[in-house]
Protein backbone atom coordinates (compact mmCIF):
# COMPACT_ATOMS: atom_id res chain seq x y z
CA MET A 1 45.20 74.51 28.97
CA ILE A 2 42.10 75.18 31.05
CA GLY A 3 39.89 73.66 28.36
CA ARG A 4 41.99 70.51 28.39
CA LEU A 5 41.75 70.26 32.16
CA ALA A 6 37.98 70.68 32.06
CA PHE A 7 37.72 68.06 29.33
CA ALA A 8 40.03 65.67 31.15
CA SER A 9 38.04 66.00 34.34
CA THR A 10 34.83 64.93 32.63
CA ARG A 11 36.06 62.20 30.28
CA SER A 12 38.16 59.09 30.40
CA TYR A 13 39.69 57.21 27.47
CA SER A 14 39.99 53.53 26.77
CA ARG A 15 43.54 52.23 26.51
CA ASN A 16 42.61 50.10 23.51
CA PRO A 17 43.45 52.17 20.36
CA SER A 18 40.54 50.66 18.42
CA THR A 19 38.05 52.02 20.97
CA ARG A 20 39.55 55.45 21.72
CA ARG A 21 36.17 57.10 22.01
CA PRO A 22 35.62 59.13 25.17
CA LYS A 23 33.43 57.57 27.82
CA ALA A 24 31.29 59.94 29.84
CA VAL A 25 32.06 59.91 33.55
CA GLY A 26 29.96 62.95 34.38
CA LEU A 27 28.95 66.39 33.25
CA PHE A 28 29.91 69.49 35.22
CA LEU A 29 28.19 72.80 34.42
CA ASP A 30 29.52 76.08 35.75
CA ALA A 31 27.05 78.40 37.45
CA SER A 32 26.11 80.41 34.35
CA LEU A 33 25.32 77.29 32.32
CA LEU A 34 23.35 75.84 35.20
CA VAL A 35 21.36 79.10 35.40
CA LEU A 36 20.80 78.93 31.63
CA TRP A 37 19.51 75.37 32.00
CA VAL A 38 17.21 76.28 34.90
CA VAL A 39 15.82 79.50 33.40
CA GLY A 40 15.39 77.81 30.03
CA ASN A 41 13.41 75.00 31.61
CA VAL A 42 11.23 77.48 33.48
CA ASN A 43 10.65 80.01 30.68
CA PRO A 44 12.93 80.05 27.61
CA ARG A 45 11.67 83.51 26.58
CA ARG A 46 13.34 84.96 29.70
CA ILE A 47 16.86 83.88 28.67
CA GLU A 48 17.92 86.82 26.50
CA GLY A 49 16.92 89.42 29.09
CA PHE A 50 18.02 87.55 32.22
CA LYS A 51 20.98 88.86 34.21
CA GLY A 52 24.13 86.83 33.85
CA ILE A 53 22.92 84.78 30.90
CA SER A 54 21.67 87.46 28.49
CA LYS A 55 24.55 86.63 26.12
CA TYR A 56 22.88 83.26 25.47
CA SER A 57 19.90 82.59 23.21
CA ILE A 58 17.06 80.08 23.20
CA GLY A 59 19.08 78.16 20.61
CA ASP A 60 21.96 77.93 23.09
CA PHE A 61 19.56 76.57 25.70
CA ILE A 62 18.31 73.93 23.24
CA LEU A 63 21.90 72.88 22.48
CA LEU A 64 22.71 72.76 26.19
CA SER A 65 19.60 70.69 26.95
CA ASP A 66 20.47 68.21 24.20
CA PHE A 67 24.02 68.00 25.54
CA VAL A 68 22.86 67.52 29.15
CA GLY A 69 20.53 64.76 27.96
CA ARG A 70 23.51 62.71 26.75
CA TYR A 71 24.81 62.25 30.29
CA SER A 72 23.46 59.99 32.98
CA VAL A 73 25.84 61.32 35.63
CA MET A 74 25.87 64.98 36.64
CA ARG A 75 28.62 66.52 38.77
CA THR A 76 28.42 69.64 40.88
CA ALA A 77 30.16 71.64 43.58
CA PRO A 78 28.61 73.51 46.50
CA HIS A 79 29.81 76.93 45.32
CA VAL A 80 28.23 76.36 41.88
CA LEU A 81 24.88 75.46 43.45
CA ALA A 82 25.01 78.46 45.76
CA GLU A 83 25.81 80.84 42.91
CA ALA A 84 23.17 79.32 40.63
CA GLY A 85 20.60 79.62 43.42
CA ASN A 86 21.48 83.28 43.90
CA LEU A 87 21.41 84.03 40.17
CA THR A 88 18.01 82.46 39.52
CA ASP A 89 16.25 85.47 40.98
CA LEU A 90 12.70 84.89 39.75
CA LYS A 91 9.33 85.73 41.23
CA GLY A 92 6.12 83.79 41.90
CA ASP A 93 5.51 80.54 40.05
CA GLU A 94 8.71 80.90 38.03
CA ARG A 95 10.72 81.02 41.26
CA ARG A 96 8.99 77.88 42.53
CA MET A 97 9.66 76.10 39.24
CA ALA A 98 13.32 77.21 39.24
CA ARG A 99 13.77 75.86 42.77
CA LEU A 100 12.25 72.54 41.68
CA CYS A 101 14.68 72.36 38.73
CA LEU A 102 17.62 73.03 41.05
CA LYS A 103 16.27 70.47 43.53
CA ASP A 104 16.10 67.85 40.76
CA TRP A 105 19.65 68.71 39.67
CA ILE A 106 20.92 68.46 43.25
CA GLY A 107 19.10 65.17 43.75
CA THR A 108 20.78 63.53 40.77
CA ALA A 109 24.22 65.19 40.82
CA LEU A 110 27.33 63.85 42.48
CA GLU A 111 29.31 66.39 44.47
CA PHE A 112 33.01 67.00 43.84
């Protein structure tokens, strides 16, 4: 049921049966996937040892990046951004790069 709700909130369907392909109306990532996307963009080698996303691999990041690239509209919520910001606990240049990634995401995402 939850999966259906998540899918329904990010897709809409044409009423014409011959064109029943889903149309993207926005992509929403939860905090852990947003952290995976940010950390992977900063330094993919850090993924497997990074708190909160260590269950993911570089291959998962590549799949996620390809998936994110299919959408022109990103969706977000304040609590997701706050949690992602807290979880991307990096130091030095990696921290600066992570903040820039989050800033880019925030700048292009529509808030729920």
